[in-house]
Amino acid sequence: MSTEQHNERRSKVEALRSAGVDPYPIGFVPTAEAAELHARFKDLGSEATTGEQVSVAGRLMGKRDLGKLSFGVLQDRSGRIQLFADQRTLGDELAAFVDLDLGDLIGVTGEVITTKRGELSVRIHEFSLLAKALWPLPEKWHGLADVETRYRQRYLDLIANEEARRVFGIRSRVMRELRRAFEGRGYVEVETPVLQSQAGGALAEPFQTHHNALSIDMYLRIALELYLKRLIIGGVDKVFEIGRVFRNEGVSPQHNPEFTMLESYEAYADYEDIMRLVEETVSGVALAVVGSSEIEYQDRPLDLTAPWRRASFMELINEATGREWSPEMPVEDAREAARELGVDVEVGGTGKVLEDLFGRFVEPGLWEPTFVVDFPKEISPFARDHRDEPGLVERFEGFVAGIEMCNAFTELNDPEEQLRRFEAQAEARAQGDEEAHLTDLDFVHAMEYGMPPTGGLGIGVDRLVMILANVSTVREVILFPHMRPLEGEASGPGS
């Protein structure tokens, strides 16, 4: 950006202050927004006057000076409206309007009119500078090749890029509709601790911190699960939470270390009930947010309408690899067979090998909405044993456009079996699996008071927004994604 322009704008600020004008005044009350005005006066003909006075406020995004006449483009949160400034109305103040810079925040009061070309406008009767922009906006922002700059300076992205505003408008509506869907089914929304003495509820590496007053190490939560299940035990039979979770893992088009999860638990339900809940909720959210459950994603049609396809985890792997696998086969045999297919798994048991094979050969091809059901027990420490298939559990993952969007179980509610699962995870951790689950004896103790049969669910909200907003990376739907700091910058969101 131009340092010369920055200095010129600073000089304007000093000149205003010397003249007794505050370049950052307090307060302005808009009475209308751009989109509202376009909707109300869409049928006006050319050179029409309405006699209606309005006040609008926003950022000056365009300006054209024609001597005794000047045009501006004001952008507010709803869209853009043209400003019409003429010397007959403004007198000497026209020069002050012309002296404004692109990016300045202004408040305008005037009459709603149309120009000779039929452009809806506000004829300025008076205006005020609300905040001086000291830096010019980026030129040709839509052609900017370095997308990282958009993520690092999201405020500029939102100012100049209508697409960014569209995406985050969709995100807001998705959050609203998810809440509406679960509350409409009788679920109670709660908040559970973000800082935990022991991170649990998922197979992931946590972020660690220290609580000085208590003199204990603590962790940012990796899931919402175990506290929500405590509420199920306590008699809150339908419960959900939408919250941030944190996993100390890599960054990719589908992963950010900090992301938004919806988790829900329903007593007296199983994973079949939760499948119906997911397909009905997602198709309903799509209809409410983008107007249809039949959408396009990355130039391909995608039908989110219920019911979704059901497919077996083991059968999908067998089909994709052309081999027969079993969760009970010896781990060395499984590792050797996987190596022949180019998949090298050094930690974990046979279930971990199968998980990696699934990620390599099956997951990318799951385009149409699909529930992959019945996973190996080893990689599902909180799911109930399958009622018919040894070595498997009643778990499903929902995939849409090759993206894992949700994970759900018929929840394990046997405290003794839960303790055995924790012990198996502890052994895996001792053998080098850093994502294996820690033993949570307090949770086991809570289960010993009796946990009803329960269906549980986790939905990746960011990934759902990706699909409905038709963007290919999670960074587009997180306002301030985490990035590697540039040299000389402090670390932090967007830095």
Protein backbone atom coordinates (compact mmCIF):
# COMPACT_ATOMS: atom_id res chain seq x y z
CA MET A 1 0.00 0.00 0.00
CA SER A 2 1.11 3.53 -0.70
CA THR A 3 2.88 5.25 2.17
CA GLU A 4 2.44 8.52 0.28
CA GLN A 5 -1.34 8.14 0.30
CA HIS A 6 -1.21 7.18 3.97
CA ASN A 7 0.67 10.40 4.76
CA GLU A 8 -1.78 12.46 2.68
CA ARG A 9 -4.71 11.06 4.61
CA ARG A 10 -3.03 11.73 7.93
CA SER A 11 -2.54 15.32 6.81
CA LYS A 12 -6.28 15.56 6.12
CA VAL A 13 -6.98 14.33 9.65
CA GLU A 14 -4.73 17.00 11.13
CA ALA A 15 -6.36 19.68 8.96
CA LEU A 16 -9.81 18.64 10.15
CA ARG A 17 -8.72 18.76 13.77
CA SER A 18 -7.15 22.18 13.26
CA ALA A 19 -10.49 23.37 11.87
CA GLY A 20 -12.28 22.05 14.96
CA VAL A 21 -13.77 19.01 13.21
CA ASP A 22 -13.54 15.61 14.87
CA PRO A 23 -12.59 13.03 12.19
CA TYR A 24 -13.92 10.29 14.49
CA PRO A 25 -17.14 11.72 15.96
CA ILE A 26 -19.58 9.94 18.22
CA GLY A 27 -22.87 8.69 16.91
CA PHE A 28 -24.98 8.72 13.78
CA VAL A 29 -28.43 7.16 13.47
CA PRO A 30 -29.20 5.57 10.07
CA THR A 31 -32.91 5.30 9.26
CA ALA A 32 -32.53 3.07 6.19
CA GLU A 33 -30.21 0.55 4.54
CA ALA A 34 -29.25 0.13 0.91
CA ALA A 35 -31.08 -3.16 0.31
CA GLU A 36 -34.25 -1.82 1.92
CA LEU A 37 -34.22 1.26 -0.32
CA HIS A 38 -33.70 -0.81 -3.46
CA ALA A 39 -36.60 -3.05 -2.47
CA ARG A 40 -38.98 -0.21 -1.63
CA PHE A 41 -38.26 1.95 -4.66
CA LYS A 42 -37.52 -0.67 -7.31
CA ASP A 43 -40.33 0.58 -9.59
CA LEU A 44 -39.30 4.26 -9.75
CA GLY A 45 -38.77 5.62 -13.23
CA SER A 46 -35.95 7.86 -14.37
CA GLU A 47 -35.50 11.33 -12.82
CA ALA A 48 -38.03 10.59 -10.10
CA THR A 49 -38.22 12.39 -6.78
CA THR A 50 -39.91 10.91 -3.73
CA GLY A 51 -39.80 13.66 -1.15
CA GLU A 52 -38.69 11.01 1.36
CA GLN A 53 -35.75 11.88 3.56
CA VAL A 54 -33.50 9.07 4.78
CA SER A 55 -30.25 8.75 6.65
CA VAL A 56 -27.75 6.11 5.50
CA ALA A 57 -24.29 5.26 6.77
CA GLY A 58 -21.45 3.16 5.47
CA ARG A 59 -18.15 3.11 3.64
CA LEU A 60 -17.42 5.20 0.54
CA MET A 61 -16.47 2.61 -2.09
CA GLY A 62 -16.57 4.69 -5.24
CA LYS A 63 -16.52 8.35 -6.29
CA ARG A 64 -16.80 10.25 -9.57
CA ASP A 65 -16.37 14.05 -9.76
CA LEU A 66 -18.04 15.97 -12.63
CA GLY A 67 -17.43 19.53 -11.47
CA LYS A 68 -20.71 20.84 -10.10
CA LEU A 69 -21.93 17.28 -9.70
CA SER A 70 -20.38 14.32 -7.93
CA PHE A 71 -21.43 10.70 -7.48
CA GLY A 72 -20.46 8.32 -4.74
CA VAL A 73 -21.11 4.68 -3.87
CA LEU A 74 -21.94 3.95 -0.24
CA GLN A 75 -21.70 0.39 1.06
CA ASP A 76 -23.44 -0.71 4.23
CA ARG A 77 -24.00 -4.18 5.63
CA SER A 78 -26.90 -4.83 3.24
CA GLY A 79 -25.40 -3.67 -0.05
CA ARG A 80 -24.66 -0.49 -2.00
CA ILE A 81 -26.54 2.69 -2.84
CA GLN A 82 -25.51 5.58 -5.06
CA LEU A 83 -24.98 9.03 -3.59
CA PHE A 84 -25.85 12.12 -5.63
CA ALA A 85 -24.07 15.32 -4.63
CA ASP A 86 -24.75 18.58 -6.47
CA GLN A 87 -23.64 22.14 -5.83
CA ARG A 88 -27.20 23.50 -5.92
CA THR A 89 -28.06 21.42 -2.84
CA LEU A 90 -24.72 21.30 -0.99
CA GLY A 91 -23.20 24.64 -1.94
CA ASP A 92 -19.66 24.99 -0.64
CA GLU A 93 -19.93 21.61 1.10
CA LEU A 94 -19.63 19.88 -2.28
CA ALA A 95 -15.88 20.48 -2.15
CA ALA A 96 -15.71 18.73 1.21
CA PHE A 97 -17.54 15.74 -0.25
CA VAL A 98 -15.17 15.61 -3.22
CA ASP A 99 -12.26 15.71 -0.76
CA LEU A 100 -13.39 12.48 0.90
CA ASP A 101 -11.26 9.39 0.25
CA LEU A 102 -12.36 5.92 -0.76
CA GLY A 103 -12.74 3.83 2.36
CA ASP A 104 -13.94 6.71 4.54
CA LEU A 105 -16.97 5.95 6.71
CA ILE A 106 -19.65 8.58 6.25
CA GLY A 107 -23.20 9.37 7.29
CA VAL A 108 -25.56 10.91 4.73
CA THR A 109 -29.01 12.46 5.01
CA GLY A 110 -30.96 13.23 1.88
CA GLU A 111 -33.87 12.55 -0.47
CA VAL A 112 -34.42 9.27 -2.30
CA ILE A 113 -34.37 9.97 -6.05
CA THR A 114 -33.47 8.39 -9.37
CA THR A 115 -31.02 9.84 -11.90
CA LYS A 116 -31.49 10.33 -15.66
CA ARG A 117 -30.22 6.78 -16.10
CA GLY A 118 -32.74 5.51 -13.55
CA GLU A 119 -30.14 4.78 -10.87
CA LEU A 120 -31.66 4.84 -7.38
CA SER A 121 -29.75 7.41 -5.33
CA VAL A 122 -29.75 9.52 -2.21
CA ARG A 123 -29.46 13.22 -3.05
CA ILE A 124 -27.19 14.49 -0.29
CA HIS A 125 -28.61 17.32 1.80
CA GLU A 126 -25.96 16.94 4.47
CA PHE A 127 -23.20 14.50 5.28
CA SER A 128 -20.57 13.92 7.93
CA LEU A 129 -17.31 12.03 8.14
CA LEU A 130 -17.73 9.26 10.74
CA ALA A 131 -14.27 7.69 10.57
CA LYS A 132 -11.33 8.61 8.39
CA ALA A 133 -9.63 5.70 6.61
CA LEU A 134 -5.89 6.26 6.81
CA TRP A 135 -4.99 3.53 4.32
CA PRO A 136 -6.45 3.16 0.81
CA LEU A 137 -8.38 0.01 0.03
CA PRO A 138 -6.55 -2.58 -2.09
CA GLU A 139 -6.89 -2.04 -5.81
CA LYS A 140 -8.52 -4.71 -7.98
CA TRP A 141 -9.20 -6.80 -4.92
CA HIS A 142 -11.17 -9.40 -6.86
CA GLY A 143 -8.07 -10.21 -8.88
CA LEU A 144 -5.85 -10.69 -5.85
CA ALA A 145 -3.89 -13.90 -6.36
CA ASP A 146 -2.60 -14.30 -2.80
CA VAL A 147 -5.61 -15.72 -0.97
CA GLU A 148 -3.61 -15.85 2.28
CA THR A 149 -3.77 -12.06 2.38
CA ARG A 150 -7.55 -12.34 2.48
CA TYR A 151 -7.35 -14.64 5.50
CA ARG A 152 -4.73 -12.57 7.31
CA GLN A 153 -6.64 -9.31 6.78
CA ARG A 154 -10.21 -10.55 6.87
CA TYR A 155 -11.47 -7.02 7.59
CA LEU A 156 -10.29 -5.94 4.13
CA ASP A 157 -11.73 -9.08 2.58
CA LEU A 158 -15.15 -8.28 4.07
CA ILE A 159 -14.98 -4.64 3.00
CA ALA A 160 -14.07 -5.33 -0.61
CA ASN A 161 -15.32 -8.83 -1.36
CA GLU A 162 -19.04 -9.45 -1.67
CA GLU A 163 -18.39 -13.20 -1.83
CA ALA A 164 -16.84 -13.17 1.65
CA ARG A 165 -19.89 -11.37 3.02
CA ARG A 166 -22.13 -13.93 1.30
CA VAL A 167 -20.29 -16.87 2.87
CA PHE A 168 -20.45 -15.49 6.39
CA GLY A 169 -24.09 -14.60 5.96
CA ILE A 170 -24.70 -18.27 5.14
CA ARG A 171 -22.70 -19.30 8.20
CA SER A 172 -24.84 -17.13 10.45
CA ARG A 173 -28.04 -18.59 9.02
CA VAL A 174 -26.74 -22.17 9.35
CA MET A 175 -26.06 -21.61 13.05
CA ARG A 176 -29.55 -20.18 13.53
CA GLU A 177 -31.27 -23.03 11.68
CA LEU A 178 -29.30 -25.73 13.51
CA ARG A 179 -30.43 -24.29 16.83
CA ARG A 180 -33.99 -24.05 15.59
CA ALA A 181 -33.92 -27.67 14.38
CA PHE A 182 -32.68 -29.12 17.67
CA GLU A 183 -34.82 -26.92 19.89
CA GLY A 184 -37.83 -27.88 17.76
CA ARG A 185 -37.15 -31.51 18.66
CA GLY A 186 -37.09 -30.75 22.37
CA TYR A 187 -33.32 -30.57 22.87
CA VAL A 188 -31.93 -28.29 25.57
CA GLU A 189 -28.91 -26.15 24.65
CA VAL A 190 -26.13 -25.99 27.28
CA GLU A 191 -22.55 -24.78 27.74
CA THR A 192 -19.82 -27.04 29.10
CA PRO A 193 -16.22 -26.27 30.11
CA VAL A 194 -13.69 -25.27 27.46
CA LEU A 195 -10.80 -25.60 29.92
CA GLN A 196 -10.66 -29.15 31.22
CA SER A 197 -8.38 -30.97 33.63
CA GLN A 198 -8.41 -33.88 31.19
CA ALA A 199 -9.22 -33.60 27.49
CA GLY A 200 -11.54 -36.35 26.34
CA GLY A 201 -14.32 -37.42 24.04
CA ALA A 202 -12.24 -37.85 20.87
CA LEU A 203 -9.03 -39.37 19.56
CA ALA A 204 -6.95 -36.23 19.15
CA GLU A 205 -3.97 -34.41 20.63
CA PRO A 206 -5.00 -31.47 22.86
CA PHE A 207 -3.50 -28.05 23.48
CA GLN A 208 -2.10 -27.74 27.00
CA THR A 209 -1.97 -24.76 29.34
CA HIS A 210 -1.49 -24.13 33.06
CA HIS A 211 -3.85 -22.72 35.68
CA ASN A 212 -1.74 -20.68 38.08
CA ALA A 213 -4.21 -20.34 40.95
CA LEU A 214 -5.02 -24.05 41.04
CA SER A 215 -1.44 -25.02 40.12
CA ILE A 216 -2.61 -27.66 37.63
CA ASP A 217 -2.12 -28.33 33.96
CA MET A 218 -5.29 -27.94 31.92
CA TYR A 219 -6.34 -28.61 28.35
CA LEU A 220 -8.51 -26.96 25.74
CA ARG A 221 -11.32 -29.36 24.98
CA ILE A 222 -11.04 -31.64 21.97
CA ALA A 223 -14.73 -32.57 22.09
CA LEU A 224 -17.94 -31.79 23.99
CA GLU A 225 -18.87 -35.40 24.57
CA LEU A 226 -18.07 -36.44 28.12
CA TYR A 227 -19.67 -33.47 29.87
CA LEU A 228 -22.81 -33.76 27.75
CA LYS A 229 -23.06 -37.45 28.66
CA ARG A 230 -22.82 -36.50 32.31
CA LEU A 231 -25.95 -34.42 31.70
CA ILE A 232 -27.68 -37.42 30.13
CA ILE A 233 -26.83 -39.37 33.29
CA GLY A 234 -28.26 -36.48 35.30
CA GLY A 235 -31.62 -36.76 33.54
CA VAL A 236 -31.34 -34.13 30.78
CA ASP A 237 -32.64 -36.56 28.18
CA LYS A 238 -32.11 -34.40 25.08
CA VAL A 239 -29.13 -32.07 25.15
CA PHE A 240 -26.97 -30.25 22.62
CA GLU A 241 -24.14 -27.73 22.49
CA ILE A 242 -22.61 -25.67 19.70
CA GLY A 243 -19.10 -24.71 20.69
CA ARG A 244 -15.47 -24.32 19.80
CA VAL A 245 -13.17 -27.32 20.13
CA PHE A 246 -9.40 -27.39 19.75
CA ARG A 247 -7.14 -30.08 18.32
CA ASN A 248 -3.39 -29.83 18.02
CA GLU A 249 -3.27 -31.19 14.50
CA GLY A 250 -2.27 -30.14 10.99
CA VAL A 251 -3.89 -27.48 8.85
CA SER A 252 -5.58 -28.55 5.61
CA PRO A 253 -8.56 -27.63 3.42
CA GLN A 254 -10.78 -29.49 5.93
CA HIS A 255 -8.88 -28.86 9.19
CA ASN A 256 -8.29 -25.85 11.40
CA PRO A 257 -6.88 -26.25 14.93
CA GLU A 258 -9.90 -24.38 16.31
CA PHE A 259 -13.29 -25.25 14.88
CA THR A 260 -17.01 -25.33 15.67
CA MET A 261 -18.79 -28.54 16.63
CA LEU A 262 -22.41 -29.32 17.33
CA GLU A 263 -22.79 -32.31 19.65
CA SER A 264 -26.10 -33.77 20.76
CA TYR A 265 -27.20 -36.70 22.94
CA GLU A 266 -30.64 -38.25 23.15
CA ALA A 267 -31.64 -40.82 25.77
CA TYR A 268 -33.47 -43.93 24.58
CA ALA A 269 -32.22 -43.50 20.99
CA ASP A 270 -29.73 -45.50 18.91
CA TYR A 271 -27.63 -44.75 15.84
CA GLU A 272 -30.51 -45.52 13.49
CA ASP A 273 -32.53 -42.77 15.16
CA ILE A 274 -29.57 -40.40 14.87
CA MET A 275 -29.16 -41.13 11.15
CA ARG A 276 -32.73 -39.99 10.61
CA LEU A 277 -32.07 -36.92 12.76
CA VAL A 278 -29.01 -35.98 10.66
CA GLU A 279 -30.51 -36.42 7.20
CA GLU A 280 -33.69 -34.57 8.15
CA THR A 281 -31.77 -31.76 9.88
CA VAL A 282 -29.19 -31.20 7.13
CA SER A 283 -31.76 -31.25 4.31
CA GLY A 284 -33.98 -28.91 6.35
CA VAL A 285 -31.13 -26.49 7.07
CA ALA A 286 -30.20 -26.46 3.38
CA LEU A 287 -33.78 -25.66 2.40
CA ALA A 288 -33.99 -22.82 4.94
CA VAL A 289 -30.55 -21.33 4.20
CA VAL A 290 -30.05 -21.69 0.44
CA GLY A 291 -33.60 -22.43 -0.68
CA SER A 292 -33.22 -26.08 -1.71
CA SER A 293 -31.80 -29.40 -0.55
CA GLU A 294 -30.70 -30.03 -4.15
CA ILE A 295 -27.60 -27.89 -4.53
CA GLU A 296 -24.40 -27.62 -6.54
CA TYR A 297 -21.01 -28.09 -4.92
CA GLN A 298 -17.77 -27.49 -6.82
CA ASP A 299 -19.59 -27.67 -10.16
CA ARG A 300 -21.26 -31.00 -9.38
CA PRO A 301 -24.89 -31.62 -8.38
CA LEU A 302 -25.46 -32.73 -4.79
CA ASP A 303 -28.78 -33.91 -3.41
CA LEU A 304 -29.06 -33.59 0.38
CA THR A 305 -32.68 -34.79 0.44
CA ALA A 306 -33.47 -37.57 2.94
CA PRO A 307 -33.06 -40.51 3.02
CA TRP A 308 -29.31 -40.87 2.55
CA ARG A 309 -27.46 -43.98 1.41
CA ARG A 310 -26.26 -46.47 4.08
CA ALA A 311 -23.03 -48.43 3.43
CA SER A 312 -20.90 -50.76 5.58
CA PHE A 313 -17.39 -49.62 6.58
CA MET A 314 -15.92 -53.09 6.03
CA GLU A 315 -17.73 -53.71 2.76
CA LEU A 316 -16.57 -50.38 1.34
CA ILE A 317 -12.93 -51.18 2.17
CA ASN A 318 -13.18 -54.66 0.71
CA GLU A 319 -14.72 -53.27 -2.47
CA ALA A 320 -12.20 -50.42 -2.85
CA THR A 321 -9.09 -52.56 -2.26
CA GLY A 322 -10.24 -55.80 -3.87
CA ARG A 323 -9.31 -57.74 -0.71
CA GLU A 324 -11.12 -59.22 2.24
CA TRP A 325 -10.41 -57.54 5.59
CA SER A 326 -11.55 -58.23 9.14
CA PRO A 327 -11.18 -56.19 12.34
CA GLU A 328 -10.09 -59.44 14.05
CA MET A 329 -7.21 -60.28 11.69
CA PRO A 330 -3.69 -60.22 13.28
CA VAL A 331 -2.26 -56.71 13.22
CA GLU A 332 1.00 -57.74 11.51
CA ASP A 333 -0.96 -59.40 8.71
CA ALA A 334 -3.07 -56.26 8.34
CA ARG A 335 0.00 -53.98 8.29
CA GLU A 336 1.76 -56.13 5.69
CA ALA A 337 -1.29 -56.26 3.44
CA ALA A 338 -1.71 -52.49 3.79
CA ARG A 339 1.97 -51.89 2.89
CA GLU A 340 1.39 -53.81 -0.34
CA LEU A 341 -1.25 -51.19 -1.14
CA GLY A 342 1.07 -48.30 -0.26
CA VAL A 343 -0.35 -47.61 3.20
CA ASP A 344 2.20 -47.80 6.03
CA VAL A 345 0.75 -47.89 9.57
CA GLU A 346 3.28 -48.22 12.41
CA VAL A 347 1.13 -47.57 15.50
CA GLY A 348 -2.19 -48.96 16.68
CA GLY A 349 -3.88 -52.25 15.95
CA THR A 350 -5.84 -53.65 13.04
CA GLY A 351 -8.58 -51.08 13.49
CA LYS A 352 -6.09 -48.28 12.92
CA VAL A 353 -4.88 -49.98 9.73
CA LEU A 354 -8.46 -50.22 8.50
CA GLU A 355 -9.06 -46.58 9.35
CA ASP A 356 -6.07 -45.52 7.24
CA LEU A 357 -7.16 -47.73 4.34
CA PHE A 358 -10.61 -46.17 4.51
CA GLY A 359 -9.15 -42.66 4.42
CA ARG A 360 -6.99 -43.48 1.40
CA PHE A 361 -9.28 -45.60 -0.78
CA VAL A 362 -12.89 -44.96 0.24
CA GLU A 363 -13.46 -41.51 1.70
CA PRO A 364 -12.58 -39.34 -1.33
CA GLY A 365 -15.14 -41.17 -3.49
CA LEU A 366 -18.15 -40.68 -1.20
CA TRP A 367 -19.81 -37.87 -3.15
CA GLU A 368 -23.53 -38.38 -2.59
CA PRO A 369 -24.60 -38.12 1.08
CA THR A 370 -23.69 -41.46 2.66
CA PHE A 371 -23.80 -42.90 6.16
CA VAL A 372 -20.84 -45.25 6.56
CA VAL A 373 -21.88 -47.64 9.33
CA ASP A 374 -20.39 -50.20 11.72
CA PHE A 375 -16.77 -49.33 12.53
CA PRO A 376 -14.05 -51.39 14.28
CA LYS A 377 -14.25 -51.28 18.06
CA GLU A 378 -10.58 -50.31 18.44
CA ILE A 379 -11.08 -46.86 16.88
CA SER A 380 -14.45 -46.23 18.56
CA PRO A 381 -13.88 -46.16 22.34
CA PHE A 382 -17.29 -44.65 23.20
CA ALA A 383 -19.55 -46.66 20.89
CA ARG A 384 -21.61 -49.68 21.91
CA ASP A 385 -20.70 -53.15 20.61
CA HIS A 386 -22.64 -54.00 17.48
CA ARG A 387 -25.66 -56.08 18.34
CA ASP A 388 -24.92 -58.54 15.47
CA GLU A 389 -21.31 -58.11 14.21
CA PRO A 390 -18.37 -59.15 16.46
CA GLY A 391 -15.46 -56.73 16.54
CA LEU A 392 -17.61 -53.85 15.31
CA VAL A 393 -19.57 -51.09 17.03
CA GLU A 394 -22.75 -49.19 16.24
CA ARG A 395 -21.15 -46.09 14.83
CA PHE A 396 -21.67 -44.09 11.66
CA GLU A 397 -19.93 -41.25 9.91
CA GLY A 398 -21.81 -39.05 7.47
CA PHE A 399 -19.97 -38.09 4.28
CA VAL A 400 -21.00 -35.46 1.76
CA ALA A 401 -18.90 -34.57 -1.29
CA GLY A 402 -16.01 -36.63 0.06
CA ILE A 403 -16.06 -34.66 3.32
CA GLU A 404 -16.67 -36.24 6.72
CA MET A 405 -19.43 -34.06 8.12
CA CYS A 406 -20.56 -35.95 11.20
CA ASN A 407 -19.75 -38.84 13.55
CA ALA A 408 -22.28 -40.65 15.74
CA PHE A 409 -22.78 -43.71 17.94
CA THR A 410 -25.16 -45.83 19.79
CA GLU A 411 -23.37 -44.79 22.96
CA LEU A 412 -21.60 -47.24 25.23
CA ASN A 413 -23.36 -47.16 28.60
CA ASP A 414 -21.72 -50.12 30.38
CA PRO A 415 -19.19 -48.62 32.87
CA GLU A 416 -17.11 -51.79 33.12
CA GLU A 417 -16.78 -52.06 29.35
CA GLN A 418 -15.99 -48.34 29.19
CA LEU A 419 -13.14 -48.84 31.65
CA ARG A 420 -11.78 -51.71 29.54
CA ARG A 421 -11.89 -49.46 26.47
CA PHE A 422 -9.99 -46.74 28.35
CA GLU A 423 -7.36 -49.29 29.37
CA ALA A 424 -6.95 -50.41 25.75
CA GLN A 425 -6.50 -46.77 24.74
CA ALA A 426 -3.90 -46.30 27.49
CA GLU A 427 -1.96 -49.25 26.10
CA ALA A 428 -2.10 -47.76 22.58
CA ARG A 429 -0.80 -44.46 23.95
CA ALA A 430 2.05 -46.28 25.68
CA GLN A 431 2.95 -47.78 22.32
CA GLY A 432 3.24 -44.36 20.69
CA ASP A 433 -0.26 -43.36 19.63
CA GLU A 434 -0.39 -39.75 20.86
CA GLU A 435 -4.05 -39.39 19.88
CA ALA A 436 -5.21 -42.36 21.98
CA HIS A 437 -7.75 -41.45 24.66
CA LEU A 438 -6.74 -40.85 28.26
CA THR A 439 -8.49 -42.77 31.03
CA ASP A 440 -11.23 -40.68 32.64
CA LEU A 441 -12.12 -42.39 35.91
CA ASP A 442 -14.53 -39.65 36.94
CA PHE A 443 -16.58 -40.27 33.81
CA VAL A 444 -16.60 -44.01 34.52
CA HIS A 445 -17.75 -43.23 38.07
CA ALA A 446 -20.60 -41.10 36.67
CA MET A 447 -21.62 -43.98 34.40
CA GLU A 448 -21.81 -46.27 37.42
CA TYR A 449 -24.89 -44.33 38.56
CA GLY A 450 -26.64 -45.54 35.40
CA MET A 451 -26.59 -44.04 31.92
CA PRO A 452 -29.68 -44.72 29.79
CA PRO A 453 -29.38 -46.13 26.26
CA THR A 454 -28.32 -43.09 24.24
CA GLY A 455 -27.70 -41.94 20.68
CA GLY A 456 -24.94 -39.35 20.31
CA LEU A 457 -23.90 -37.09 17.43
CA GLY A 458 -21.16 -34.66 16.45
CA ILE A 459 -21.56 -32.39 13.39
CA GLY A 460 -18.65 -30.35 12.01
CA VAL A 461 -20.42 -27.02 11.56
CA ASP A 462 -17.61 -25.47 9.49
CA ARG A 463 -17.76 -28.35 7.01
CA LEU A 464 -21.54 -28.09 6.70
CA VAL A 465 -21.13 -24.38 5.95
CA MET A 466 -18.45 -25.20 3.35
CA ILE A 467 -20.90 -27.40 1.48
CA LEU A 468 -23.84 -24.98 1.63
CA ALA A 469 -21.65 -21.99 0.72
CA ASN A 470 -19.98 -23.95 -2.11
CA VAL A 471 -16.38 -23.28 -1.05
CA SER A 472 -13.52 -25.77 -1.13
CA THR A 473 -11.60 -24.92 2.03
CA VAL A 474 -12.56 -24.49 5.66
CA ARG A 475 -10.56 -21.26 5.81
CA GLU A 476 -13.21 -19.59 3.70
CA VAL A 477 -15.86 -20.19 6.38
CA ILE A 478 -13.79 -19.34 9.49
CA LEU A 479 -13.49 -15.60 9.99
CA PHE A 480 -9.98 -15.71 11.42
CA PRO A 481 -8.26 -19.01 10.51
CA HIS A 482 -4.98 -19.82 12.17
CA MET A 483 -1.94 -19.31 9.96
CA ARG A 484 1.81 -19.39 10.28
CA PRO A 485 2.98 -15.90 11.34
CA LEU A 486 4.82 -13.79 8.81
CA GLU A 487 8.35 -12.87 9.78
CA GLY A 488 8.28 -10.13 12.41
CA GLU A 489 4.60 -10.61 13.26
CA ALA A 490 3.14 -11.82 16.53
CA SER A 491 1.26 -15.10 16.35
CA GLY A 492 -2.52 -15.19 16.55
CA PRO A 493 -5.68 -15.76 14.53
CA GLY A 494 -5.14 -14.55 11.00
CA SER A 495 -1.50 -13.63 11.65
